Amino acid sequence: MKTLWMIGWCGALLSAGVALADKDPESLARGWCANCHGADGNSVSPLFPRLAGQQAMYLQQQLQLFREQSRSDQAAHDYMWGVAGGLKDAEIAGVAGYFAAQTPKPNPAPPAAAAELAAGKEIFLRGKGDSVPACFACHGARGEGSEQAPRLAGQHAAYLIKQLRVFSTRQRPAAAAMQAIVHDLSEDDLHNLAIYLQSL
């Protein structure tokens, strides 16, 4: 029931993007983004990514892609196209900066066997075979991200798995590097990696 309510609420925002214009960043974040992502960016629902402490440049890029409707995965279409459509460049930069400045809260991973966590850590730190590079090379030793790659530490495992699957399609064209990588990761690999990242 809560999920249906949330989907309905976010869906209603699709026609309200223009109403977001000319708001200060904190008002935008607390008045609109908070409904799905939490006022401080620590979303509690695995449907929606955690934004607290996320790299500002990455958030800015994604909001621009949502506004342009060039990120076409289903969740982007359902939740973000309309909302981001009314944002100006300065507002996008402001919202990104607001969430980047928030403190990520611990997000305990769901119960997992030690072997699953170890396997996820192995992929993150060392990659897999010749085709999957170590994730930390782009995302940081603790999954903190960089200007070029998003923060992954503490992200909801279910959300990470969903996005890793999306990378195997052409629905996120800005993530061309990831499209090549995920093809050589099994479902078990995706699960283990996501569980490990949420535990960071």
C-alpha atoms as a PDB file:
ATOM      1  CA  MET A   1       0.000   0.000   0.000  1.00  0.00           C
ATOM      2  CA  LYS A   2       2.813   2.388   0.906  1.00  0.00           C
ATOM      3  CA  THR A   3       4.553   1.614  -2.396  1.00  0.00           C
ATOM      4  CA  LEU A   4       1.368   2.332  -4.372  1.00  0.00           C
ATOM      5  CA  TRP A   5       0.926   5.618  -2.529  1.00  0.00           C
ATOM      6  CA  MET A   6       4.516   6.614  -3.257  1.00  0.00           C
ATOM      7  CA  ILE A   7       4.187   5.758  -6.938  1.00  0.00           C
ATOM      8  CA  GLY A   8       0.983   7.748  -7.141  1.00  0.00           C
ATOM      9  CA  TRP A   9       2.556  10.740  -5.423  1.00  0.00           C
ATOM     10  CA  CYS A  10       5.658  10.744  -7.596  1.00  0.00           C
ATOM     11  CA  GLY A  11       3.529  10.182 -10.679  1.00  0.00           C
ATOM     12  CA  ALA A  12       1.546  13.297  -9.826  1.00  0.00           C
ATOM     13  CA  LEU A  13       4.778  15.281  -9.955  1.00  0.00           C
ATOM     14  CA  LEU A  14       5.189  14.516 -13.661  1.00  0.00           C
ATOM     15  CA  SER A  15       2.825  17.321 -14.556  1.00  0.00           C
ATOM     16  CA  ALA A  16       4.254  19.700 -11.969  1.00  0.00           C
ATOM     17  CA  GLY A  17       7.821  20.202 -13.185  1.00  0.00           C
ATOM     18  CA  VAL A  18       7.197  23.793 -14.207  1.00  0.00           C
ATOM     19  CA  ALA A  19       6.023  24.570 -10.663  1.00  0.00           C
ATOM     20  CA  LEU A  20       9.484  23.771  -9.367  1.00  0.00           C
ATOM     21  CA  ALA A  21      11.099  26.742 -11.044  1.00  0.00           C
ATOM     22  CA  ASP A  22      12.563  29.660  -9.073  1.00  0.00           C
ATOM     23  CA  LYS A  23      12.830  27.750  -5.782  1.00  0.00           C
ATOM     24  CA  ASP A  24      15.943  27.789  -3.651  1.00  0.00           C
ATOM     25  CA  PRO A  25      17.826  24.441  -3.506  1.00  0.00           C
ATOM     26  CA  GLU A  26      16.849  23.507   0.033  1.00  0.00           C
ATOM     27  CA  SER A  27      13.187  24.305  -0.606  1.00  0.00           C
ATOM     28  CA  LEU A  28      13.252  22.147  -3.730  1.00  0.00           C
ATOM     29  CA  ALA A  29      14.938  19.289  -1.912  1.00  0.00           C
ATOM     30  CA  ARG A  30      12.699  19.412   1.156  1.00  0.00           C
ATOM     31  CA  GLY A  31       9.505  20.254  -0.684  1.00  0.00           C
ATOM     32  CA  TRP A  32       9.731  17.868  -3.640  1.00  0.00           C
ATOM     33  CA  CYS A  33      12.709  15.542  -3.626  1.00  0.00           C
ATOM     34  CA  ALA A  34      12.062  14.543  -0.010  1.00  0.00           C
ATOM     35  CA  ASN A  35       8.903  12.686  -0.952  1.00  0.00           C
ATOM     36  CA  CYS A  36      10.969   9.921  -2.534  1.00  0.00           C
ATOM     37  CA  HIS A  37      14.567  10.506  -1.446  1.00  0.00           C
ATOM     38  CA  GLY A  38      14.136  11.865   2.094  1.00  0.00           C
ATOM     39  CA  ALA A  39      14.728  15.469   3.146  1.00  0.00           C
ATOM     40  CA  ASP A  40      18.370  14.681   3.900  1.00  0.00           C
ATOM     41  CA  GLY A  41      18.812  12.303   0.964  1.00  0.00           C
ATOM     42  CA  ASN A  42      18.776   9.143   3.097  1.00  0.00           C
ATOM     43  CA  SER A  43      15.842   7.424   1.419  1.00  0.00           C
ATOM     44  CA  VAL A  44      14.337   4.510   3.293  1.00  0.00           C
ATOM     45  CA  SER A  45      12.697   2.864   0.284  1.00  0.00           C
ATOM     46  CA  PRO A  46      14.835   0.667  -1.984  1.00  0.00           C
ATOM     47  CA  LEU A  47      12.769   1.991  -4.895  1.00  0.00           C
ATOM     48  CA  PHE A  48      14.628   5.288  -4.660  1.00  0.00           C
ATOM     49  CA  PRO A  49      18.381   5.894  -4.461  1.00  0.00           C
ATOM     50  CA  ARG A  50      20.082   7.490  -1.514  1.00  0.00           C
ATOM     51  CA  LEU A  51      21.417  10.918  -2.476  1.00  0.00           C
ATOM     52  CA  ALA A  52      23.086  12.008   0.761  1.00  0.00           C
ATOM     53  CA  GLY A  53      26.807  12.486   0.190  1.00  0.00           C
ATOM     54  CA  GLN A  54      26.460  11.683  -3.509  1.00  0.00           C
ATOM     55  CA  GLN A  55      28.955  13.354  -5.810  1.00  0.00           C
ATOM     56  CA  ALA A  56      27.562  16.756  -6.817  1.00  0.00           C
ATOM     57  CA  MET A  57      28.800  16.566 -10.406  1.00  0.00           C
ATOM     58  CA  TYR A  58      27.206  13.152 -10.838  1.00  0.00           C
ATOM     59  CA  LEU A  59      23.861  14.344  -9.447  1.00  0.00           C
ATOM     60  CA  GLN A  60      23.998  17.381 -11.686  1.00  0.00           C
ATOM     61  CA  GLN A  61      24.659  15.229 -14.738  1.00  0.00           C
ATOM     62  CA  GLN A  62      21.798  12.865 -13.941  1.00  0.00           C
ATOM     63  CA  LEU A  63      19.310  15.691 -13.387  1.00  0.00           C
ATOM     64  CA  GLN A  64      20.301  17.148 -16.743  1.00  0.00           C
ATOM     65  CA  LEU A  65      19.774  13.756 -18.387  1.00  0.00           C
ATOM     66  CA  PHE A  66      16.346  13.480 -16.759  1.00  0.00           C
ATOM     67  CA  ARG A  67      15.468  16.957 -17.987  1.00  0.00           C
ATOM     68  CA  GLU A  68      16.578  16.074 -21.520  1.00  0.00           C
ATOM     69  CA  GLN A  69      14.707  12.750 -21.286  1.00  0.00           C
ATOM     70  CA  SER A  70      17.804  10.993 -22.578  1.00  0.00           C
ATOM     71  CA  ARG A  71      17.941   8.657 -19.593  1.00  0.00           C
ATOM     72  CA  SER A  72      15.036   6.427 -20.545  1.00  0.00           C
ATOM     73  CA  ASP A  73      14.880   3.605 -18.009  1.00  0.00           C
ATOM     74  CA  GLN A  74      11.369   3.062 -16.684  1.00  0.00           C
ATOM     75  CA  ALA A  75      11.970   4.611 -13.273  1.00  0.00           C
ATOM     76  CA  ALA A  76      13.504   7.712 -14.875  1.00  0.00           C
ATOM     77  CA  HIS A  77      10.453   8.065 -17.103  1.00  0.00           C
ATOM     78  CA  ASP A  78       7.938   7.435 -14.323  1.00  0.00           C
ATOM     79  CA  TYR A  79       9.460   9.570 -11.589  1.00  0.00           C
ATOM     80  CA  MET A  80      12.003  12.054 -12.900  1.00  0.00           C
ATOM     81  CA  TRP A  81      11.260  13.281 -16.404  1.00  0.00           C
ATOM     82  CA  GLY A  82       8.435  15.588 -15.356  1.00  0.00           C
ATOM     83  CA  VAL A  83      10.053  16.716 -12.129  1.00  0.00           C
ATOM     84  CA  ALA A  84      13.401  17.621 -13.689  1.00  0.00           C
ATOM     85  CA  GLY A  85      11.775  19.098 -16.790  1.00  0.00           C
ATOM     86  CA  GLY A  86      11.053  22.383 -15.053  1.00  0.00           C
ATOM     87  CA  LEU A  87      14.448  22.866 -13.417  1.00  0.00           C
ATOM     88  CA  LYS A  88      16.884  25.544 -14.554  1.00  0.00           C
ATOM     89  CA  ASP A  89      20.637  24.930 -14.671  1.00  0.00           C
ATOM     90  CA  ALA A  90      21.214  26.900 -11.478  1.00  0.00           C
ATOM     91  CA  GLU A  91      18.512  24.949  -9.650  1.00  0.00           C
ATOM     92  CA  ILE A  92      19.973  21.650 -10.796  1.00  0.00           C
ATOM     93  CA  ALA A  93      23.394  22.694  -9.533  1.00  0.00           C
ATOM     94  CA  GLY A  94      21.871  23.898  -6.277  1.00  0.00           C
ATOM     95  CA  VAL A  95      19.919  20.721  -5.573  1.00  0.00           C
ATOM     96  CA  ALA A  96      22.960  18.604  -6.437  1.00  0.00           C
ATOM     97  CA  GLY A  97      25.085  20.647  -4.061  1.00  0.00           C
ATOM     98  CA  TYR A  98      22.487  20.391  -1.307  1.00  0.00           C
ATOM     99  CA  PHE A  99      22.352  16.598  -1.374  1.00  0.00           C
ATOM    100  CA  ALA A 100      26.117  16.260  -1.807  1.00  0.00           C
ATOM    101  CA  ALA A 101      26.529  18.196   1.451  1.00  0.00           C
ATOM    102  CA  GLN A 102      24.199  15.904   3.446  1.00  0.00           C
ATOM    103  CA  THR A 103      25.636  13.209   5.705  1.00  0.00           C
ATOM    104  CA  PRO A 104      24.996   9.608   4.610  1.00  0.00           C
ATOM    105  CA  LYS A 105      23.467   7.535   7.386  1.00  0.00           C
ATOM    106  CA  PRO A 106      24.336   3.859   7.912  1.00  0.00           C
ATOM    107  CA  ASN A 107      22.275   1.564   5.718  1.00  0.00           C
ATOM    108  CA  PRO A 108      22.735  -1.970   7.085  1.00  0.00           C
ATOM    109  CA  ALA A 109      22.688  -4.563   4.341  1.00  0.00           C
ATOM    110  CA  PRO A 110      20.092  -7.340   4.428  1.00  0.00           C
ATOM    111  CA  PRO A 111      21.280 -10.593   5.957  1.00  0.00           C
ATOM    112  CA  ALA A 112      23.920 -12.193   3.777  1.00  0.00           C
ATOM    113  CA  ALA A 113      26.329 -15.084   4.067  1.00  0.00           C
ATOM    114  CA  ALA A 114      29.963 -14.231   4.657  1.00  0.00           C
ATOM    115  CA  ALA A 115      30.757 -15.862   1.324  1.00  0.00           C
ATOM    116  CA  GLU A 116      28.404 -13.467  -0.502  1.00  0.00           C
ATOM    117  CA  LEU A 117      30.002 -10.413   1.054  1.00  0.00           C
ATOM    118  CA  ALA A 118      33.474 -11.775   0.336  1.00  0.00           C
ATOM    119  CA  ALA A 119      32.566 -12.431  -3.298  1.00  0.00           C
ATOM    120  CA  GLY A 120      31.165  -8.913  -3.688  1.00  0.00           C
ATOM    121  CA  LYS A 121      34.259  -7.419  -2.105  1.00  0.00           C
ATOM    122  CA  GLU A 122      36.465  -9.422  -4.451  1.00  0.00           C
ATOM    123  CA  ILE A 123      34.733  -8.004  -7.531  1.00  0.00           C
ATOM    124  CA  PHE A 124      34.789  -4.489  -6.113  1.00  0.00           C
ATOM    125  CA  LEU A 125      38.496  -4.578  -5.268  1.00  0.00           C
ATOM    126  CA  ARG A 126      39.876  -6.856  -7.984  1.00  0.00           C
ATOM    127  CA  GLY A 127      37.294  -7.140 -10.747  1.00  0.00           C
ATOM    128  CA  LYS A 128      36.532 -10.383 -12.537  1.00  0.00           C
ATOM    129  CA  GLY A 129      38.632 -11.956 -15.258  1.00  0.00           C
ATOM    130  CA  ASP A 130      39.964  -9.759 -18.027  1.00  0.00           C
ATOM    131  CA  SER A 131      36.736  -7.950 -18.885  1.00  0.00           C
ATOM    132  CA  VAL A 132      35.486  -6.607 -15.533  1.00  0.00           C
ATOM    133  CA  PRO A 133      37.842  -4.056 -13.973  1.00  0.00           C
ATOM    134  CA  ALA A 134      37.968  -3.422 -10.240  1.00  0.00           C
ATOM    135  CA  CYS A 135      35.069  -1.137  -9.322  1.00  0.00           C
ATOM    136  CA  PHE A 136      37.133   0.849  -6.845  1.00  0.00           C
ATOM    137  CA  ALA A 137      39.277   2.219  -9.666  1.00  0.00           C
ATOM    138  CA  CYS A 138      36.419   4.554 -10.618  1.00  0.00           C
ATOM    139  CA  HIS A 139      34.223   4.545  -7.516  1.00  0.00           C
ATOM    140  CA  GLY A 140      36.865   4.903  -4.804  1.00  0.00           C
ATOM    141  CA  ALA A 141      38.333   2.502  -2.284  1.00  0.00           C
ATOM    142  CA  ARG A 142      35.305   2.876  -0.003  1.00  0.00           C
ATOM    143  CA  GLY A 143      32.749   3.409  -2.749  1.00  0.00           C
ATOM    144  CA  GLU A 144      32.758   7.164  -2.100  1.00  0.00           C
ATOM    145  CA  GLY A 145      32.756   8.035  -5.796  1.00  0.00           C
ATOM    146  CA  SER A 146      34.526  10.778  -7.720  1.00  0.00           C
ATOM    147  CA  GLU A 147      33.639  13.568 -10.117  1.00  0.00           C
ATOM    148  CA  GLN A 148      33.340  10.969 -12.877  1.00  0.00           C
ATOM    149  CA  ALA A 149      31.633   8.149 -10.972  1.00  0.00           C
ATOM    150  CA  PRO A 150      28.844   8.030  -8.383  1.00  0.00           C
ATOM    151  CA  ARG A 151      29.084   7.195  -4.723  1.00  0.00           C
ATOM    152  CA  LEU A 152      27.954   3.579  -4.208  1.00  0.00           C
ATOM    153  CA  ALA A 153      28.649   3.084  -0.509  1.00  0.00           C
ATOM    154  CA  GLY A 154      25.489   2.543   1.519  1.00  0.00           C
ATOM    155  CA  GLN A 155      23.241   2.535  -1.543  1.00  0.00           C
ATOM    156  CA  HIS A 156      20.213   0.232  -1.425  1.00  0.00           C
ATOM    157  CA  ALA A 157      21.243  -3.176  -2.801  1.00  0.00           C
ATOM    158  CA  ALA A 158      17.917  -3.605  -4.597  1.00  0.00           C
ATOM    159  CA  TYR A 159      18.350  -0.266  -6.338  1.00  0.00           C
ATOM    160  CA  LEU A 160      21.921  -1.096  -7.345  1.00  0.00           C
ATOM    161  CA  ILE A 161      20.864  -4.429  -8.835  1.00  0.00           C
ATOM    162  CA  LYS A 162      18.066  -2.754 -10.788  1.00  0.00           C
ATOM    163  CA  GLN A 163      20.444  -0.164 -12.245  1.00  0.00           C
ATOM    164  CA  LEU A 164      23.123  -2.725 -13.049  1.00  0.00           C
ATOM    165  CA  ARG A 165      20.511  -4.582 -15.083  1.00  0.00           C
ATOM    166  CA  VAL A 166      19.541  -1.347 -16.829  1.00  0.00           C
ATOM    167  CA  PHE A 167      23.192  -0.859 -17.796  1.00  0.00           C
ATOM    168  CA  SER A 168      22.943  -4.010 -19.895  1.00  0.00           C
ATOM    169  CA  THR A 169      20.492  -2.106 -22.145  1.00  0.00           C
ATOM    170  CA  ARG A 170      20.776   1.193 -24.020  1.00  0.00           C
ATOM    171  CA  GLN A 171      18.468   3.049 -21.632  1.00  0.00           C
ATOM    172  CA  ARG A 172      21.328   4.936 -19.960  1.00  0.00           C
ATOM    173  CA  PRO A 173      23.482   6.078 -22.909  1.00  0.00           C
ATOM    174  CA  ALA A 174      25.797   8.186 -20.733  1.00  0.00           C
ATOM    175  CA  ALA A 175      26.972   5.010 -19.000  1.00  0.00           C
ATOM    176  CA  ALA A 176      28.616   3.386 -22.020  1.00  0.00           C
ATOM    177  CA  ALA A 177      31.508   2.030 -19.969  1.00  0.00           C
ATOM    178  CA  MET A 178      29.124   0.194 -17.648  1.00  0.00           C
ATOM    179  CA  GLN A 179      27.218  -1.335 -20.536  1.00  0.00           C
ATOM    180  CA  ALA A 180      30.286  -3.299 -21.544  1.00  0.00           C
ATOM    181  CA  ILE A 181      31.170  -4.338 -18.003  1.00  0.00           C
ATOM    182  CA  VAL A 182      27.857  -5.753 -16.795  1.00  0.00           C
ATOM    183  CA  HIS A 183      27.572  -8.275 -19.615  1.00  0.00           C
ATOM    184  CA  ASP A 184      30.233 -10.368 -17.905  1.00  0.00           C
ATOM    185  CA  LEU A 185      28.624 -10.299 -14.470  1.00  0.00           C
ATOM    186  CA  SER A 186      26.242 -13.095 -13.485  1.00  0.00           C
ATOM    187  CA  GLU A 187      23.104 -12.603 -11.397  1.00  0.00           C
ATOM    188  CA  ASP A 188      25.029 -13.950  -8.416  1.00  0.00           C
ATOM    189  CA  ASP A 189      27.794 -11.440  -9.098  1.00  0.00           C
ATOM    190  CA  LEU A 190      25.284  -8.571  -9.196  1.00  0.00           C
ATOM    191  CA  HIS A 191      23.686  -9.715  -5.952  1.00  0.00           C
ATOM    192  CA  ASN A 192      26.964 -10.151  -4.113  1.00  0.00           C
ATOM    193  CA  LEU A 193      28.374  -6.857  -5.320  1.00  0.00           C
ATOM    194  CA  ALA A 194      25.229  -4.937  -4.381  1.00  0.00           C
ATOM    195  CA  ILE A 195      25.053  -6.486  -0.909  1.00  0.00           C
ATOM    196  CA  TYR A 196      28.680  -5.628  -0.292  1.00  0.00           C
ATOM    197  CA  LEU A 197      28.238  -2.023  -1.438  1.00  0.00           C
ATOM    198  CA  GLN A 198      25.234  -1.467   0.802  1.00  0.00           C
ATOM    199  CA  SER A 199      27.297  -2.728   3.722  1.00  0.00           C
ATOM    200  CA  LEU A 200      30.027  -0.080   3.220  1.00  0.00           C
END
